[in-house]
């Protein structure tokens, strides 16, 4: 009976050692996972920060493009006004040239 108890004690001791080893491994794995989690959180924050910076740059570029577009529109309107004014001037010259042709075509007995 004593021998049986001793065997049970040895078996329980082996189980306890094995359980302690497993607990130690799990603690090490847990510590490693905690470090990885911290690294992932840091990386995530860096990516979010980079994303915010990218969005800010995109907004700034859109604002610059908008200002350039408004400048082009303003210049285009000015150019169109000058073109219309030039076309009106050319029409006036054309009308004057037609009048000159009429004057030169007048019969001489009208003098």
Protein backbone atom coordinates (compact mmCIF):
# COMPACT_ATOMS: atom_id res chain seq x y z
CA UNK A 1 0.00 0.00 0.00
CA UNK A 2 2.87 2.31 0.85
CA UNK A 3 4.38 1.48 -2.49
CA UNK A 4 1.10 2.33 -4.20
CA UNK A 5 0.94 5.66 -2.38
CA UNK A 6 4.54 6.38 -3.38
CA UNK A 7 3.73 5.61 -7.01
CA UNK A 8 0.73 7.93 -6.86
CA UNK A 9 2.92 10.64 -5.31
CA UNK A 10 5.50 10.21 -8.05
CA UNK A 11 2.79 10.31 -10.71
CA UNK A 12 1.25 13.42 -9.13
CA UNK A 13 4.72 15.01 -8.90
CA UNK A 14 5.28 14.33 -12.60
CA UNK A 15 1.89 15.81 -13.41
CA UNK A 16 2.65 18.85 -11.26
CA UNK A 17 6.03 19.37 -12.96
CA UNK A 18 4.40 18.98 -16.36
CA UNK A 19 1.66 21.45 -15.41
CA UNK A 20 4.26 23.93 -14.15
CA UNK A 21 6.19 23.57 -17.40
CA UNK A 22 3.00 24.17 -19.38
CA UNK A 23 2.17 27.18 -17.21
CA UNK A 24 5.65 28.61 -17.78
CA UNK A 25 5.36 28.09 -21.56
CA UNK A 26 1.92 29.73 -21.56
CA UNK A 27 3.25 32.69 -19.56
CA UNK A 28 6.10 33.10 -22.06
CA UNK A 29 3.68 32.86 -24.98
CA UNK A 30 1.38 35.35 -23.29
CA UNK A 31 4.27 37.80 -22.80
CA UNK A 32 5.26 37.40 -26.48
CA UNK A 33 1.66 38.01 -27.58
CA UNK A 34 1.47 41.10 -25.38
CA UNK A 35 4.61 42.49 -27.05
CA UNK A 36 3.18 41.71 -30.49
CA UNK A 37 -0.10 43.38 -29.55
CA UNK A 38 1.75 46.49 -28.43
CA UNK A 39 3.73 46.52 -31.70
CA UNK A 40 0.55 46.12 -33.76
CA UNK A 41 -1.14 48.96 -31.87
CA UNK A 42 1.88 51.20 -32.50
CA UNK A 43 1.90 50.26 -36.18
CA UNK A 44 -1.85 50.85 -36.42
CA UNK A 45 -1.49 54.32 -34.90
CA UNK A 46 1.34 55.10 -37.32
CA UNK A 47 -0.79 53.99 -40.28
CA UNK A 48 -3.72 56.08 -39.08
CA UNK A 49 -1.44 59.05 -38.64
CA UNK A 50 -0.06 58.52 -42.14
CA UNK A 51 -3.58 58.21 -43.50
CA UNK A 52 -4.56 61.48 -41.86
CA UNK A 53 -1.49 63.14 -43.34
CA UNK A 54 -2.35 61.72 -46.77
CA UNK A 55 -5.89 63.02 -46.51
CA UNK A 56 -4.59 66.44 -45.50
CA UNK A 57 -2.24 66.48 -48.50
CA UNK A 58 -5.05 65.39 -50.81
CA UNK A 59 -7.27 68.18 -49.47
CA UNK A 60 -4.46 70.70 -49.93
CA UNK A 61 -3.89 69.48 -53.51
CA UNK A 62 -7.63 69.72 -54.23
CA UNK A 63 -7.68 73.28 -52.89
CA UNK A 64 -4.70 74.22 -55.09
CA UNK A 65 -6.37 72.62 -58.11
CA UNK A 66 -9.57 74.54 -57.36
CA UNK A 67 -7.68 77.84 -57.15
CA UNK A 68 -5.92 77.07 -60.44
CA UNK A 69 -9.23 76.21 -62.07
CA UNK A 70 -10.82 79.43 -60.86
CA UNK A 71 -7.83 81.38 -62.23
CA UNK A 72 -8.18 79.65 -65.61
CA UNK A 73 -11.91 80.41 -65.65
CA UNK A 74 -11.28 84.07 -64.89
CA UNK A 75 -8.59 84.32 -67.57
CA UNK A 76 -10.81 82.47 -70.06
CA UNK A 77 -13.66 84.88 -69.48
CA UNK A 78 -11.32 87.79 -70.06
CA UNK A 79 -9.98 86.19 -73.25
CA UNK A 80 -13.50 85.46 -74.48
CA UNK A 81 -14.54 89.07 -73.85
CA UNK A 82 -11.48 90.26 -75.80
CA UNK A 83 -12.28 87.82 -78.60
CA UNK A 84 -15.90 89.01 -78.81
CA UNK A 85 -14.75 92.62 -78.76
CA UNK A 86 -12.26 91.86 -81.54
CA UNK A 87 -14.96 90.09 -83.56
CA UNK A 88 -17.25 93.12 -83.18
CA UNK A 89 -14.41 95.38 -84.32
CA UNK A 90 -13.80 93.15 -87.34
CA UNK A 91 -17.51 93.24 -88.13
CA UNK A 92 -17.40 97.05 -88.01
CA UNK A 93 -14.38 97.08 -90.36
CA UNK A 94 -16.20 94.67 -92.70
CA UNK A 95 -19.26 96.95 -92.70
CA UNK A 96 -17.05 99.96 -93.44
CA UNK A 97 -15.40 98.11 -96.31
CA UNK A 98 -18.83 97.29 -97.73
CA UNK A 99 -19.73 100.98 -97.52
CA UNK A 100 -16.55 101.92 -99.39
CA UNK A 101 -17.48 99.46 -102.15
CA UNK A 102 -20.90 101.13 -102.45
CA UNK A 103 -19.34 104.56 -102.61
CA UNK A 104 -16.92 103.49 -105.35
CA UNK A 105 -19.74 101.87 -107.31
CA UNK A 106 -21.80 105.07 -107.49
CA UNK A 107 -22.39 106.31 -111.01
CA UNK A 108 -20.34 109.33 -112.02
CA UNK A 109 -23.32 111.34 -113.17
CA UNK A 110 -24.42 111.62 -109.58
CA UNK A 111 -21.57 114.05 -108.90
